[in-house]
Protein backbone atom coordinates (compact mmCIF):
# COMPACT_ATOMS: atom_id res chain seq x y z
CA UNK A 1 -0.02 -0.25 -0.15
CA UNK A 2 1.09 3.33 -1.07
CA UNK A 3 0.86 6.20 1.77
CA UNK A 4 1.07 9.96 1.68
CA UNK A 5 4.32 11.51 2.69
CA UNK A 6 6.35 14.94 2.19
CA UNK A 7 7.04 15.36 -0.61
CA UNK A 8 10.79 14.91 -1.84
CA UNK A 9 13.21 16.35 -4.08
CA UNK A 10 15.06 13.13 -5.07
CA UNK A 11 13.53 9.79 -5.43
CA UNK A 12 15.11 7.56 -2.31
CA UNK A 13 15.79 4.17 -1.47
CA UNK A 14 16.03 2.45 1.91
CA UNK A 15 18.14 -0.14 0.79
CA UNK A 16 19.90 -2.65 2.42
CA UNK A 17 23.64 -3.11 1.22
CA UNK A 18 23.36 -6.68 1.03
CA UNK A 19 19.19 -7.51 1.03
CA UNK A 20 18.19 -9.54 -1.81
CA UNK A 21 14.76 -7.51 -2.62
CA UNK A 22 16.67 -4.12 -2.45
CA UNK A 23 18.98 -5.22 -4.56
CA UNK A 24 16.16 -6.34 -7.38
CA UNK A 25 14.98 -2.98 -6.87
CA UNK A 26 18.67 -1.39 -7.18
CA UNK A 27 18.81 -3.30 -10.97
CA UNK A 28 15.41 -2.32 -11.76
CA UNK A 29 16.75 1.81 -11.24
CA UNK A 30 20.03 1.03 -12.94
CA UNK A 31 18.56 -0.44 -16.34
CA UNK A 32 16.10 2.79 -16.20
CA UNK A 33 19.01 4.67 -15.84
CA UNK A 34 16.97 6.93 -12.44
CA UNK A 35 18.83 9.20 -10.43
CA UNK A 36 18.18 8.53 -6.60
CA UNK A 37 19.17 8.88 -3.21
CA UNK A 38 20.05 5.59 -1.30
CA UNK A 39 19.85 5.42 2.72
CA UNK A 40 21.32 2.22 3.50
CA UNK A 41 19.44 0.93 6.97
CA UNK A 42 21.31 -1.86 8.01
CA UNK A 43 24.31 0.51 9.02
CA UNK A 44 21.48 3.28 10.64
CA UNK A 45 19.63 0.93 11.80
CA UNK A 46 15.20 1.24 11.43
CA UNK A 47 14.57 5.41 11.34
CA UNK A 48 11.69 7.26 12.33
CA UNK A 49 11.71 8.33 9.05
CA UNK A 50 11.50 5.05 7.45
CA UNK A 51 8.42 3.85 10.00
CA UNK A 52 6.62 6.88 9.01
CA UNK A 53 6.80 5.75 5.61
CA UNK A 54 6.67 2.46 5.74
CA UNK A 55 4.35 0.76 8.89
CA UNK A 56 6.48 -2.35 9.00
CA UNK A 57 9.85 -0.47 8.73
CA UNK A 58 11.79 -2.76 6.13
CA UNK A 59 13.59 -2.51 2.92
CA UNK A 60 12.96 -1.71 0.35
CA UNK A 61 11.21 1.56 0.76
CA UNK A 62 11.08 3.91 -2.12
CA UNK A 63 9.70 7.19 -1.85
CA UNK A 64 8.72 9.39 -5.27
CA UNK A 65 7.34 12.73 -4.41
CA UNK A 66 4.01 11.92 -2.36
CA UNK A 67 4.45 7.99 -3.01
CA UNK A 68 5.93 5.77 -0.88
CA UNK A 69 5.78 1.98 -2.02
CA UNK A 70 7.41 -0.94 0.08
CA UNK A 71 6.66 -4.05 -1.37
CA UNK A 72 9.69 -5.24 -3.89
CA UNK A 73 7.26 -6.24 -6.80
CA UNK A 74 4.82 -3.20 -6.46
CA UNK A 75 8.15 -0.81 -6.45
CA UNK A 76 9.59 -2.54 -9.75
CA UNK A 77 6.50 -2.42 -11.54
CA UNK A 78 5.59 1.43 -11.05
CA UNK A 79 9.29 2.15 -12.12
CA UNK A 80 8.39 -0.08 -15.02
CA UNK A 81 5.40 1.80 -16.01
CA UNK A 82 7.36 5.00 -14.31
CA UNK A 83 9.96 5.08 -16.93
CA UNK A 84 8.56 2.83 -19.98
CA UNK A 85 12.45 2.78 -21.67
CA UNK A 86 13.45 0.44 -21.88
CA UNK A 87 10.43 -1.65 -21.16
CA UNK A 88 11.16 -4.16 -18.42
CA UNK A 89 7.29 -6.44 -18.69
CA UNK A 90 6.54 -8.23 -21.83
CA UNK A 91 3.72 -6.26 -24.10
CA UNK A 92 1.13 -8.54 -24.23
CA UNK A 93 -1.50 -9.03 -21.08
CA UNK A 94 -1.19 -13.30 -21.55
CA UNK A 95 2.66 -12.95 -21.62
CA UNK A 96 2.46 -10.09 -18.92
CA UNK A 97 0.63 -12.46 -16.57
CA UNK A 98 3.21 -15.11 -16.60
CA UNK A 99 5.99 -13.09 -15.84
CA UNK A 100 4.18 -11.89 -12.82
CA UNK A 101 3.05 -15.75 -12.04
CA UNK A 102 6.79 -16.52 -12.45
CA UNK A 103 8.02 -13.60 -10.05
CA UNK A 104 5.26 -15.26 -7.69
CA UNK A 105 6.52 -18.64 -7.55
CA UNK A 106 9.66 -17.54 -6.95
CA UNK A 107 9.21 -15.64 -3.90
CA UNK A 108 6.92 -17.61 -2.52
CA UNK A 109 9.06 -20.75 -3.25
CA UNK A 110 12.57 -19.42 -2.70
CA UNK A 111 12.02 -16.82 -0.41
CA UNK A 112 11.65 -18.63 2.79
CA UNK A 113 14.85 -20.76 1.77
CA UNK A 114 16.77 -17.58 0.96
CA UNK A 115 15.47 -16.65 4.48
CA UNK A 116 17.33 -19.80 6.18
CA UNK A 117 20.04 -19.21 4.48
CA UNK A 118 20.90 -15.85 5.53
CA UNK A 119 20.32 -16.57 9.15
CA UNK A 120 23.45 -18.68 9.09
CA UNK A 121 22.06 -21.74 11.05
CA UNK A 122 24.01 -25.06 9.90
CA UNK A 123 20.72 -27.47 9.96
CA UNK A 124 18.47 -24.78 7.85
CA UNK A 125 21.03 -23.91 5.83
CA UNK A 126 22.06 -27.08 4.58
CA UNK A 127 18.36 -28.59 4.12
CA UNK A 128 17.59 -24.83 2.73
CA UNK A 129 20.68 -25.06 -0.41
CA UNK A 130 19.35 -28.53 -0.89
CA UNK A 131 16.30 -27.49 -2.00
CA UNK A 132 16.68 -24.32 -3.64
CA UNK A 133 19.80 -26.60 -5.78
CA UNK A 134 16.76 -28.66 -6.82
CA UNK A 135 14.66 -25.66 -7.79
CA UNK A 136 17.82 -24.24 -9.55
CA UNK A 137 18.10 -27.54 -11.16
CA UNK A 138 14.61 -27.19 -12.62
CA UNK A 139 15.23 -24.11 -14.63
CA UNK A 140 18.26 -25.22 -16.46
CA UNK A 141 16.44 -25.61 -19.68
CA UNK A 142 14.89 -21.99 -19.38
CA UNK A 143 18.26 -20.89 -18.86
CA UNK A 144 19.47 -22.79 -22.08
CA UNK A 145 16.97 -21.79 -24.25
CA UNK A 146 17.32 -18.34 -24.58
CA UNK A 147 19.75 -15.30 -23.82
CA UNK A 148 16.75 -14.16 -21.27
CA UNK A 149 14.73 -15.98 -19.11
CA UNK A 150 12.09 -15.05 -21.02
CA UNK A 151 13.36 -14.81 -24.42
CA UNK A 152 15.37 -12.61 -26.20
CA UNK A 153 14.47 -9.00 -23.67
CA UNK A 154 15.60 -9.18 -20.49
CA UNK A 155 12.39 -8.24 -18.11
CA UNK A 156 11.91 -8.04 -14.51
CA UNK A 157 12.12 -12.04 -13.77
CA UNK A 158 15.13 -11.90 -14.50
CA UNK A 159 16.15 -9.05 -12.23
CA UNK A 160 14.43 -11.36 -9.60
CA UNK A 161 16.88 -14.08 -10.64
CA UNK A 162 20.42 -12.41 -10.73
CA UNK A 163 20.63 -11.21 -7.01
CA UNK A 164 19.86 -15.25 -6.42
CA UNK A 165 22.80 -16.76 -8.40
CA UNK A 166 25.17 -13.98 -7.17
CA UNK A 167 24.95 -15.24 -3.86
CA UNK A 168 25.15 -18.90 -4.74
CA UNK A 169 28.70 -18.72 -3.58
CA UNK A 170 28.42 -17.32 -0.71
CA UNK A 171 25.61 -19.91 0.29
CA UNK A 172 27.78 -22.81 -0.59
CA UNK A 173 25.77 -23.70 -3.80
CA UNK A 174 27.32 -25.70 -5.96
CA UNK A 175 25.41 -27.67 -8.89
CA UNK A 176 26.79 -30.02 -11.05
CA UNK A 177 29.48 -29.24 -13.39
CA UNK A 178 26.98 -29.75 -17.05
CA UNK A 179 24.53 -27.70 -15.27
CA UNK A 180 26.76 -25.19 -14.05
CA UNK A 181 27.90 -24.45 -17.39
CA UNK A 182 24.94 -23.48 -18.35
CA UNK A 183 23.61 -21.75 -15.51
CA UNK A 184 26.87 -19.45 -15.44
CA UNK A 185 26.61 -18.76 -18.75
CA UNK A 186 23.26 -17.24 -18.11
CA UNK A 187 24.19 -15.65 -15.10
CA UNK A 188 27.76 -14.18 -16.69
CA UNK A 189 25.46 -12.46 -19.13
CA UNK A 190 23.20 -11.13 -16.59
CA UNK A 191 26.57 -9.73 -14.31
CA UNK A 192 27.73 -8.09 -17.20
CA UNK A 193 25.30 -5.69 -18.02
CA UNK A 194 26.10 -2.02 -16.95
CA UNK A 195 22.99 -2.03 -14.81
CA UNK A 196 23.80 -4.87 -12.82
CA UNK A 197 27.26 -4.26 -11.95
CA UNK A 198 25.62 -0.51 -11.23
CA UNK A 199 23.01 -1.85 -9.00
CA UNK A 200 25.74 -3.83 -6.79
CA UNK A 201 27.17 -2.10 -3.26
CA UNK A 202 30.13 -2.67 -2.17
CA UNK A 203 29.32 -5.18 0.57
CA UNK A 204 27.76 -6.98 -2.38
CA UNK A 205 30.74 -7.12 -4.17
CA UNK A 206 32.93 -8.21 -0.83
CA UNK A 207 30.36 -11.19 -0.32
CA UNK A 208 31.16 -12.81 -3.62
CA UNK A 209 34.94 -11.96 -3.59
CA UNK A 210 35.08 -13.14 0.00
CA UNK A 211 32.91 -16.72 -1.18
CA UNK A 212 35.07 -17.31 -4.13
CA UNK A 213 38.09 -17.01 -2.25
CA UNK A 214 37.05 -19.42 0.71
CA UNK A 215 36.54 -21.84 -2.19
CA UNK A 216 39.76 -21.51 -4.12
């Protein structure tokens, strides 16, 4: 739900430096080439300002003039409509509905597993890693079928998947060699986009570097 707040002159994103949902929104903002201010909540704690904007006090929260939004998929679609070029959703209603359903399934099926992986509890993390690996293996044919998940164009679906793939080494998730080759080819295509590189925080860059160093 959006709320009315004091008008701000610059679009503002309340974000977590390694928060995976914040990362999703940062990719969308970078794809659109939007200038915005970032307020890192993890380093400052929940502020009264954020709680006034978002009753849940969580990130990401986007403020655009009088509007405050605090659900990542609503934020992403709002940005896609507010800044129509380049488009990040299919044009036709059926394809748009399918894209929304894919994102919904990712959030519903992957979300709880990711939260367990990020808690760092060994037993929970091992089970979650195994289950997430199973989901990723199911998607290998889709990763191999076209440059991006829905076809030739980069979409909001790819914005959802990219932060997950970026964090796999940090979660200790590895795939069988044949599947790794396919997933890495798709992942590298996402990671090499200017928007993805621009979306990364220093903490997210370090997250992957540290994980690779440990496995080297």
